[in-house]
Protein backbone atom coordinates (compact mmCIF):
# COMPACT_ATOMS: atom_id res chain seq x y z
CA UNK A 1 6.78 26.78 -5.86
CA UNK A 2 9.74 26.95 -3.51
CA UNK A 3 13.26 25.87 -4.34
CA UNK A 4 12.81 22.59 -2.47
CA UNK A 5 9.95 21.71 -4.81
CA UNK A 6 11.96 21.71 -8.00
CA UNK A 7 11.89 18.41 -9.81
CA UNK A 8 14.01 18.83 -12.90
CA UNK A 9 15.97 22.01 -12.84
CA UNK A 10 15.38 25.70 -13.24
CA UNK A 11 16.59 28.87 -14.79
CA UNK A 12 17.89 31.84 -12.89
CA UNK A 13 18.06 35.42 -13.92
CA UNK A 14 19.84 38.13 -12.05
CA UNK A 15 21.75 41.37 -12.07
CA UNK A 16 25.45 40.56 -12.06
CA UNK A 17 28.26 43.03 -11.52
CA UNK A 18 31.41 43.34 -13.68
CA UNK A 19 33.42 41.40 -11.08
CA UNK A 20 31.61 38.28 -12.29
CA UNK A 21 32.61 38.75 -15.92
CA UNK A 22 33.56 35.72 -17.99
CA UNK A 23 36.95 34.92 -19.43
CA UNK A 24 37.38 35.61 -23.13
CA UNK A 25 38.68 32.07 -23.61
CA UNK A 26 35.40 30.53 -22.37
CA UNK A 27 32.68 32.18 -24.41
CA UNK A 28 29.22 30.69 -24.06
CA UNK A 29 27.74 30.06 -27.50
CA UNK A 30 24.34 28.93 -26.26
CA UNK A 31 22.47 27.13 -23.51
CA UNK A 32 19.75 24.55 -24.14
CA UNK A 33 16.45 23.93 -22.37
CA UNK A 34 14.68 20.78 -23.55
CA UNK A 35 11.07 19.63 -23.38
CA UNK A 36 8.32 17.86 -25.30
CA UNK A 37 6.34 20.64 -26.94
CA UNK A 38 8.14 23.68 -28.31
CA UNK A 39 5.03 25.84 -28.73
CA UNK A 40 4.02 25.29 -25.11
CA UNK A 41 7.55 26.02 -23.92
CA UNK A 42 7.69 29.27 -25.88
CA UNK A 43 4.37 30.44 -24.47
CA UNK A 44 5.34 29.59 -20.89
CA UNK A 45 8.79 31.12 -21.27
CA UNK A 46 7.34 34.41 -22.54
CA UNK A 47 4.82 34.50 -19.68
CA UNK A 48 7.51 33.80 -17.06
CA UNK A 49 10.27 36.08 -18.32
CA UNK A 50 8.71 38.57 -20.71
CA UNK A 51 11.34 37.55 -23.26
CA UNK A 52 10.32 36.84 -26.87
CA UNK A 53 11.63 33.83 -28.74
CA UNK A 54 12.20 33.45 -32.47
CA UNK A 55 11.44 30.18 -34.22
CA UNK A 56 14.70 28.80 -35.57
CA UNK A 57 13.34 25.83 -37.52
CA UNK A 58 13.68 22.05 -37.42
CA UNK A 59 17.02 20.35 -37.10
CA UNK A 60 18.15 17.98 -39.82
CA UNK A 61 17.92 15.02 -37.43
CA UNK A 62 14.15 14.39 -37.96
CA UNK A 63 13.72 14.63 -34.19
CA UNK A 64 13.92 18.17 -32.83
CA UNK A 65 13.06 21.78 -33.57
CA UNK A 66 14.11 24.93 -31.77
CA UNK A 67 13.37 28.52 -30.91
CA UNK A 68 15.82 30.98 -29.42
CA UNK A 69 16.20 34.27 -27.63
CA UNK A 70 19.49 35.89 -28.61
CA UNK A 71 21.52 38.41 -26.62
CA UNK A 72 23.83 41.31 -27.38
CA UNK A 73 26.97 39.47 -26.25
CA UNK A 74 26.47 36.90 -29.02
CA UNK A 75 25.10 34.10 -26.83
CA UNK A 76 21.55 32.75 -26.91
CA UNK A 77 19.13 30.55 -25.03
CA UNK A 78 17.70 27.70 -27.05
CA UNK A 79 14.35 26.10 -26.38
CA UNK A 80 14.36 22.64 -27.95
CA UNK A 81 11.30 20.47 -28.46
CA UNK A 82 10.24 17.41 -30.43
CA UNK A 83 9.15 17.97 -34.03
CA UNK A 84 5.42 17.52 -34.67
CA UNK A 85 6.05 14.73 -37.17
CA UNK A 86 9.29 13.48 -35.66
CA UNK A 87 10.68 10.03 -36.39
CA UNK A 88 10.17 8.16 -33.07
CA UNK A 89 13.38 6.22 -33.61
CA UNK A 90 15.31 9.45 -34.15
CA UNK A 91 13.85 10.91 -30.96
CA UNK A 92 14.72 7.85 -28.89
CA UNK A 93 18.27 7.88 -30.26
CA UNK A 94 18.78 11.59 -29.65
CA UNK A 95 21.54 12.43 -27.20
CA UNK A 96 19.06 14.46 -25.13
CA UNK A 97 16.08 12.11 -25.51
CA UNK A 98 15.51 11.76 -21.76
CA UNK A 99 15.39 15.53 -21.32
CA UNK A 100 13.08 15.94 -24.32
CA UNK A 101 10.62 13.23 -23.40
CA UNK A 102 10.51 14.10 -19.67
CA UNK A 103 10.46 17.92 -19.94
CA UNK A 104 13.91 17.85 -18.37
CA UNK A 105 14.65 21.56 -18.79
CA UNK A 106 18.30 22.68 -18.64
CA UNK A 107 20.30 19.98 -20.39
CA UNK A 108 23.40 21.29 -22.16
CA UNK A 109 25.61 24.20 -23.09
CA UNK A 110 28.15 25.01 -25.78
CA UNK A 111 31.30 27.09 -26.12
CA UNK A 112 31.97 28.94 -29.35
CA UNK A 113 35.45 28.49 -30.74
CA UNK A 114 37.23 29.83 -33.80
CA UNK A 115 39.55 26.87 -34.40
CA UNK A 116 37.82 23.70 -33.28
CA UNK A 117 40.76 21.44 -34.19
CA UNK A 118 43.16 23.52 -32.08
CA UNK A 119 40.78 23.36 -29.13
CA UNK A 120 40.55 19.58 -29.42
CA UNK A 121 44.32 19.26 -29.45
CA UNK A 122 44.59 21.43 -26.35
CA UNK A 123 41.97 19.43 -24.45
CA UNK A 124 43.54 16.11 -25.36
CA UNK A 125 46.96 17.39 -24.29
CA UNK A 126 45.38 18.17 -20.91
CA UNK A 127 44.07 14.61 -20.65
CA UNK A 128 40.43 15.53 -21.38
CA UNK A 129 38.67 13.26 -23.90
CA UNK A 130 37.29 15.01 -26.98
CA UNK A 131 35.59 13.50 -29.99
CA UNK A 132 35.93 14.16 -33.69
CA UNK A 133 34.14 17.13 -35.30
CA UNK A 134 30.59 16.33 -36.45
CA UNK A 135 28.70 18.29 -39.12
CA UNK A 136 25.20 19.53 -38.32
CA UNK A 137 22.71 22.15 -39.45
CA UNK A 138 19.13 23.26 -39.87
CA UNK A 139 16.96 25.24 -42.27
CA UNK A 140 15.56 28.51 -41.00
CA UNK A 141 11.89 29.36 -41.59
CA UNK A 142 12.99 31.77 -44.35
CA UNK A 143 14.66 28.89 -46.20
CA UNK A 144 18.22 29.87 -45.25
CA UNK A 145 20.35 26.78 -44.66
CA UNK A 146 22.89 27.13 -41.87
CA UNK A 147 25.65 24.71 -40.94
CA UNK A 148 28.13 24.18 -38.16
CA UNK A 149 30.33 21.52 -36.64
CA UNK A 150 30.48 20.33 -33.05
CA UNK A 151 32.79 18.32 -30.82
CA UNK A 152 31.75 16.43 -27.70
CA UNK A 153 34.00 16.90 -24.68
CA UNK A 154 34.41 14.71 -21.62
CA UNK A 155 32.13 11.96 -20.31
CA UNK A 156 28.34 11.87 -20.34
CA UNK A 157 25.94 13.19 -22.95
CA UNK A 158 26.79 16.17 -25.14
CA UNK A 159 27.19 19.41 -23.21
CA UNK A 160 26.70 17.80 -19.81
CA UNK A 161 29.63 17.95 -17.38
CA UNK A 162 31.69 19.76 -19.99
CA UNK A 163 30.37 22.04 -22.72
CA UNK A 164 30.47 20.83 -26.27
CA UNK A 165 32.37 22.95 -28.76
CA UNK A 166 30.73 24.59 -31.75
CA UNK A 167 32.19 26.33 -34.79
CA UNK A 168 30.13 27.75 -37.66
CA UNK A 169 30.53 26.77 -41.29
CA UNK A 170 28.12 29.48 -42.42
CA UNK A 171 28.19 33.04 -41.04
CA UNK A 172 27.53 32.81 -37.32
CA UNK A 173 25.12 35.75 -37.32
CA UNK A 174 22.72 33.69 -39.47
CA UNK A 175 22.43 31.14 -36.67
CA UNK A 176 22.43 33.49 -33.68
CA UNK A 177 20.34 36.39 -35.01
CA UNK A 178 17.48 35.11 -37.22
CA UNK A 179 16.07 38.65 -37.55
CA UNK A 180 19.50 40.24 -37.93
CA UNK A 181 19.76 41.57 -34.36
CA UNK A 182 19.43 40.39 -30.72
CA UNK A 183 15.95 39.26 -29.75
CA UNK A 184 15.87 41.46 -26.65
CA UNK A 185 17.64 44.31 -24.91
CA UNK A 186 16.40 43.21 -21.47
CA UNK A 187 19.06 40.50 -21.14
CA UNK A 188 22.59 41.12 -22.31
CA UNK A 189 23.88 37.54 -22.22
CA UNK A 190 24.51 34.28 -20.41
CA UNK A 191 26.54 34.84 -17.25
CA UNK A 192 26.80 31.44 -15.59
CA UNK A 193 26.04 27.77 -16.13
CA UNK A 194 25.43 25.81 -12.92
CA UNK A 195 26.37 22.13 -13.33
CA UNK A 196 25.28 19.39 -10.95
CA UNK A 197 28.18 17.03 -10.23
CA UNK A 198 28.74 13.77 -8.36
CA UNK A 199 32.01 14.78 -6.71
CA UNK A 200 32.87 18.45 -6.33
CA UNK A 201 36.61 18.05 -5.86
CA UNK A 202 36.94 15.78 -8.89
CA UNK A 203 34.91 18.13 -11.07
CA UNK A 204 36.96 21.14 -9.94
CA UNK A 205 40.18 19.33 -10.77
CA UNK A 206 38.92 18.35 -14.23
CA UNK A 207 37.86 21.89 -15.07
CA UNK A 208 41.11 23.40 -13.89
CA UNK A 209 43.04 20.92 -16.01
CA UNK A 210 40.83 21.35 -19.08
CA UNK A 211 40.76 25.13 -19.21
CA UNK A 212 43.70 26.27 -17.07
CA UNK A 213 41.44 27.85 -14.46
CA UNK A 214 42.56 29.09 -11.07
CA UNK A 215 41.27 27.82 -7.74
CA UNK A 216 37.52 28.41 -7.42
CA UNK A 217 35.60 30.23 -4.72
CA UNK A 218 33.54 27.85 -2.60
CA UNK A 219 30.48 28.22 -0.43
CA UNK A 220 27.46 26.29 0.76
CA UNK A 221 24.11 27.30 -0.69
CA UNK A 222 21.24 26.48 1.62
CA UNK A 223 18.52 26.91 -1.02
CA UNK A 224 20.23 24.33 -3.21
CA UNK A 225 21.35 22.32 -0.19
CA UNK A 226 24.57 22.09 -2.14
CA UNK A 227 28.25 22.88 -1.91
CA UNK A 228 29.14 25.09 -4.85
CA UNK A 229 32.39 26.16 -6.48
CA UNK A 230 32.60 29.00 -8.97
CA UNK A 231 35.50 30.08 -11.11
CA UNK A 232 35.70 33.85 -11.07
CA UNK A 233 37.24 34.06 -14.53
CA UNK A 234 34.75 31.77 -16.22
CA UNK A 235 31.02 31.14 -16.62
CA UNK A 236 31.31 27.83 -14.77
CA UNK A 237 29.65 27.03 -11.43
CA UNK A 238 29.78 23.47 -10.05
CA UNK A 239 27.21 22.24 -7.51
CA UNK A 240 27.11 19.07 -5.41
CA UNK A 241 24.14 18.17 -3.21
CA UNK A 242 25.14 17.88 0.44
CA UNK A 243 22.59 15.16 1.26
CA UNK A 244 19.71 13.15 -0.14
CA UNK A 245 17.25 15.98 0.50
CA UNK A 246 19.03 18.24 -1.96
CA UNK A 247 17.19 18.57 -5.27
CA UNK A 248 20.63 18.75 -6.92
CA UNK A 249 21.34 15.25 -5.59
CA UNK A 250 18.06 13.99 -7.01
CA UNK A 251 18.56 15.61 -10.37
CA UNK A 252 22.09 14.25 -10.77
CA UNK A 253 20.77 10.81 -9.87
CA UNK A 254 18.05 11.12 -12.53
CA UNK A 255 19.92 12.85 -15.36
CA UNK A 256 23.59 12.45 -14.54
CA UNK A 257 26.08 15.28 -14.34
CA UNK A 258 24.58 18.13 -16.35
CA UNK A 259 23.44 21.75 -16.11
CA UNK A 260 20.82 22.35 -13.43
CA UNK A 261 20.45 26.14 -13.84
CA UNK A 262 21.44 29.04 -16.03
CA UNK A 263 22.21 32.59 -14.93
CA UNK A 264 21.30 35.38 -17.32
CA UNK A 265 22.69 38.90 -17.21
CA UNK A 266 19.58 41.02 -16.79
CA UNK A 267 19.60 44.73 -17.51
CA UNK A 268 18.05 47.14 -15.05
CA UNK A 269 14.99 47.59 -17.26
CA UNK A 270 14.04 43.91 -17.07
CA UNK A 271 10.89 42.96 -15.17
CA UNK A 272 11.58 39.42 -14.01
CA UNK A 273 9.31 37.86 -11.39
CA UNK A 274 10.39 34.95 -9.22
CA UNK A 275 11.99 34.01 -5.94
CA UNK A 276 14.67 36.51 -4.90
CA UNK A 277 17.95 35.12 -3.61
CA UNK A 278 21.55 36.12 -2.95
CA UNK A 279 24.36 34.33 -4.76
CA UNK A 280 28.07 35.09 -4.51
CA UNK A 281 27.29 38.53 -3.17
CA UNK A 282 24.86 39.37 -5.99
CA UNK A 283 21.10 39.53 -6.28
CA UNK A 284 19.40 36.88 -8.43
CA UNK A 285 15.81 35.94 -9.17
CA UNK A 286 14.80 32.29 -9.54
CA UNK A 287 12.24 31.23 -12.13
CA UNK A 288 11.05 27.69 -11.46
CA UNK A 289 10.32 24.98 -14.01
CA UNK A 290 6.57 25.13 -13.37
CA UNK A 291 6.36 28.69 -14.68
CA UNK A 292 8.48 27.65 -17.64
CA UNK A 293 6.09 24.85 -18.62
CA UNK A 294 8.49 22.08 -17.62
CA UNK A 295 6.52 20.26 -14.93
């Protein structure tokens, strides 16, 4: 399937050079890919990427369950599906219900922070709305209960235009590394989150104000049919469809401003198959949603 055929987002993987490193102040905690059936997503993900996932257990919301592939830099990719015996009301009320029920794929991302209250104060001082901390958790398959708190930032659903913040209440390694170590050595971490936006200039201004970022690099990407802006000292890439034929335009219309793609830092030993492309002077490989079981 070509890029123009994408319906609801994709994941990218590529080899990225040190010049595209992320700022220490914006550390990706995890990225989330949502769909209906977790088992099917795990099977398709393994077939498409060669990466194993570890079952993380059901969330305490009676709606979702997750599996993850964790990386050496402390970030992880979360596959989230609907629990087998989920409460339909809980599913419909879930903040990512549209993504879950429609196999929406990339839907959210989180930043890990040490002092969540201090981060909230800083965002509010910059004029960025931030909610109150909310407690959450899940029980791992081995019976270990893990807990954390989150804060929603900005407009839209959780982790959409802006990442939500997460801070652990139990040791973080228990959440990130279910088996006590990274799930794979083929991918070292999450490099970039590509966010579809309605107005590129407005989104750039909001990000610069929220996180004190410098002026971004800009270019037009013909495969996306989008104008993109990327902040060299952060994991953030903003994308705006240039016309109605752009799949970014269609996705933003359907799901609102939210992640449309994720870039993973792939080690040289990785064997990733997909559509080769060139982004920001670096080689990347696209893996479409069909191969990931998200059609």
